Amino acid sequence: MASDPHPPVSRQATYWRRTRRLTLLLLLVWFGVTFTVIFFARELSHFTLFGWPLSFYMAAQGATLIYVGIVGCYAWRMRRFDQMAKGGDGDAT
């Protein structure tokens, strides 16, 4: 009797795969925002936003707003992942 070479993936394995993928993606966004603002501060200062240099605005407010957005995105997606792992009718997108 031949066994299935690809056994079905459990909900828990799918849950942790999605969690790791989301965490990695959001950490990359966090690093990209932080690195870009610091490394390219001189170049960003040539652009203005609401009368302030873009580098100053991103350091003072913009990056913080993006970080809050990252936390909100993580909470929203993890709630959906939790519902799907418990057998709810969460959407996989």
C-alpha atoms as a PDB file:
ATOM      1  CA  MET A   1       0.000   0.000   0.000  1.00  0.00           C
ATOM      2  CA  ALA A   2       1.504   3.342  -1.067  1.00  0.00           C
ATOM      3  CA  SER A   3       1.414   6.150   1.397  1.00  0.00           C
ATOM      4  CA  ASP A   4       0.607   9.715   0.407  1.00  0.00           C
ATOM      5  CA  PRO A   5       3.914  11.584  -0.203  1.00  0.00           C
ATOM      6  CA  HIS A   6       2.239  14.875   0.764  1.00  0.00           C
ATOM      7  CA  PRO A   7       0.227  14.407   3.949  1.00  0.00           C
ATOM      8  CA  PRO A   8      -2.440  17.033   4.648  1.00  0.00           C
ATOM      9  CA  VAL A   9      -1.172  20.060   6.514  1.00  0.00           C
ATOM     10  CA  SER A  10      -2.719  20.595   9.934  1.00  0.00           C
ATOM     11  CA  ARG A  11      -4.442  23.823  10.872  1.00  0.00           C
ATOM     12  CA  GLN A  12      -1.793  24.490  13.488  1.00  0.00           C
ATOM     13  CA  ALA A  13       1.044  24.174  10.957  1.00  0.00           C
ATOM     14  CA  THR A  14      -0.781  26.509   8.569  1.00  0.00           C
ATOM     15  CA  TYR A  15      -1.435  28.966  11.399  1.00  0.00           C
ATOM     16  CA  TRP A  16       2.236  29.133  12.407  1.00  0.00           C
ATOM     17  CA  ARG A  17       3.411  29.381   8.794  1.00  0.00           C
ATOM     18  CA  ARG A  18       1.103  32.360   8.229  1.00  0.00           C
ATOM     19  CA  THR A  19       2.116  33.924  11.546  1.00  0.00           C
ATOM     20  CA  ARG A  20       5.821  33.663  10.730  1.00  0.00           C
ATOM     21  CA  ARG A  21       5.289  35.040   7.225  1.00  0.00           C
ATOM     22  CA  LEU A  22       3.265  38.017   8.530  1.00  0.00           C
ATOM     23  CA  THR A  23       5.806  38.737  11.270  1.00  0.00           C
ATOM     24  CA  LEU A  24       8.695  38.646   8.804  1.00  0.00           C
ATOM     25  CA  LEU A  25       6.886  40.927   6.363  1.00  0.00           C
ATOM     26  CA  LEU A  26       6.033  43.486   9.037  1.00  0.00           C
ATOM     27  CA  LEU A  27       9.568  43.400  10.449  1.00  0.00           C
ATOM     28  CA  LEU A  28      10.898  44.100   6.965  1.00  0.00           C
ATOM     29  CA  VAL A  29       8.531  47.077   6.649  1.00  0.00           C
ATOM     30  CA  TRP A  30       9.639  48.322  10.072  1.00  0.00           C
ATOM     31  CA  PHE A  31      13.321  47.973   9.160  1.00  0.00           C
ATOM     32  CA  GLY A  32      12.791  49.580   5.749  1.00  0.00           C
ATOM     33  CA  VAL A  33      11.047  52.628   7.220  1.00  0.00           C
ATOM     34  CA  THR A  34      13.596  53.063  10.000  1.00  0.00           C
ATOM     35  CA  PHE A  35      16.613  52.541   7.756  1.00  0.00           C
ATOM     36  CA  THR A  36      15.303  54.770   4.970  1.00  0.00           C
ATOM     37  CA  VAL A  37      14.576  57.714   7.254  1.00  0.00           C
ATOM     38  CA  ILE A  38      17.978  57.552   8.943  1.00  0.00           C
ATOM     39  CA  PHE A  39      20.196  56.626   5.987  1.00  0.00           C
ATOM     40  CA  PHE A  40      18.616  58.957   3.437  1.00  0.00           C
ATOM     41  CA  ALA A  41      17.912  61.902   5.772  1.00  0.00           C
ATOM     42  CA  ARG A  42      19.946  64.383   3.717  1.00  0.00           C
ATOM     43  CA  GLU A  43      18.320  63.371   0.461  1.00  0.00           C
ATOM     44  CA  LEU A  44      14.833  63.395   2.008  1.00  0.00           C
ATOM     45  CA  SER A  45      15.358  66.908   3.401  1.00  0.00           C
ATOM     46  CA  HIS A  46      15.109  68.311  -0.146  1.00  0.00           C
ATOM     47  CA  PHE A  47      11.398  67.378  -0.201  1.00  0.00           C
ATOM     48  CA  THR A  48       8.852  69.196   1.939  1.00  0.00           C
ATOM     49  CA  LEU A  49       5.611  68.017   3.490  1.00  0.00           C
ATOM     50  CA  PHE A  50       3.333  70.597   5.099  1.00  0.00           C
ATOM     51  CA  GLY A  51       6.217  73.087   5.007  1.00  0.00           C
ATOM     52  CA  TRP A  52       8.681  70.827   6.841  1.00  0.00           C
ATOM     53  CA  PRO A  53      11.559  68.818   5.382  1.00  0.00           C
ATOM     54  CA  LEU A  54      10.401  65.258   4.754  1.00  0.00           C
ATOM     55  CA  SER A  55      13.213  63.790   6.859  1.00  0.00           C
ATOM     56  CA  PHE A  56      12.135  65.876   9.865  1.00  0.00           C
ATOM     57  CA  TYR A  57       8.468  64.993   9.364  1.00  0.00           C
ATOM     58  CA  MET A  58       9.223  61.255   9.066  1.00  0.00           C
ATOM     59  CA  ALA A  59      11.416  61.309  12.157  1.00  0.00           C
ATOM     60  CA  ALA A  60       8.912  63.330  14.198  1.00  0.00           C
ATOM     61  CA  GLN A  61       5.571  61.870  13.109  1.00  0.00           C
ATOM     62  CA  GLY A  62       5.563  59.848   9.919  1.00  0.00           C
ATOM     63  CA  ALA A  63       7.550  56.861  11.130  1.00  0.00           C
ATOM     64  CA  THR A  64       5.503  56.711  14.327  1.00  0.00           C
ATOM     65  CA  LEU A  65       2.278  56.623  12.308  1.00  0.00           C
ATOM     66  CA  ILE A  66       3.678  53.812  10.175  1.00  0.00           C
ATOM     67  CA  TYR A  67       4.665  51.871  13.315  1.00  0.00           C
ATOM     68  CA  VAL A  68       1.124  52.240  14.682  1.00  0.00           C
ATOM     69  CA  GLY A  69      -0.149  51.013  11.313  1.00  0.00           C
ATOM     70  CA  ILE A  70       2.128  47.973  11.544  1.00  0.00           C
ATOM     71  CA  VAL A  71       0.739  47.118  14.994  1.00  0.00           C
ATOM     72  CA  GLY A  72      -2.825  47.583  13.746  1.00  0.00           C
ATOM     73  CA  CYS A  73      -2.191  45.396  10.701  1.00  0.00           C
ATOM     74  CA  TYR A  74      -0.664  42.693  12.881  1.00  0.00           C
ATOM     75  CA  ALA A  75      -3.616  42.704  15.298  1.00  0.00           C
ATOM     76  CA  TRP A  76      -6.172  42.634  12.467  1.00  0.00           C
ATOM     77  CA  ARG A  77      -4.502  39.785  10.574  1.00  0.00           C
ATOM     78  CA  MET A  78      -3.780  37.735  13.699  1.00  0.00           C
ATOM     79  CA  ARG A  79      -7.433  37.955  14.719  1.00  0.00           C
ATOM     80  CA  ARG A  80      -8.364  36.517  11.327  1.00  0.00           C
ATOM     81  CA  PHE A  81      -5.696  33.807  11.599  1.00  0.00           C
ATOM     82  CA  ASP A  82      -6.993  32.883  15.073  1.00  0.00           C
ATOM     83  CA  GLN A  83     -10.547  32.603  13.763  1.00  0.00           C
ATOM     84  CA  MET A  84      -9.425  30.399  10.875  1.00  0.00           C
ATOM     85  CA  ALA A  85      -7.361  28.181  13.198  1.00  0.00           C
ATOM     86  CA  LYS A  86     -10.374  27.675  15.460  1.00  0.00           C
ATOM     87  CA  GLY A  87     -12.485  26.613  12.506  1.00  0.00           C
ATOM     88  CA  GLY A  88     -14.317  29.854  11.897  1.00  0.00           C
ATOM     89  CA  ASP A  89     -15.227  31.096   8.445  1.00  0.00           C
ATOM     90  CA  GLY A  90     -12.362  33.565   8.194  1.00  0.00           C
ATOM     91  CA  ASP A  91     -11.273  34.634   4.744  1.00  0.00           C
ATOM     92  CA  ALA A  92      -7.802  33.410   3.729  1.00  0.00           C
ATOM     93  CA  THR A  93      -6.830  36.692   2.085  1.00  0.00           C
END
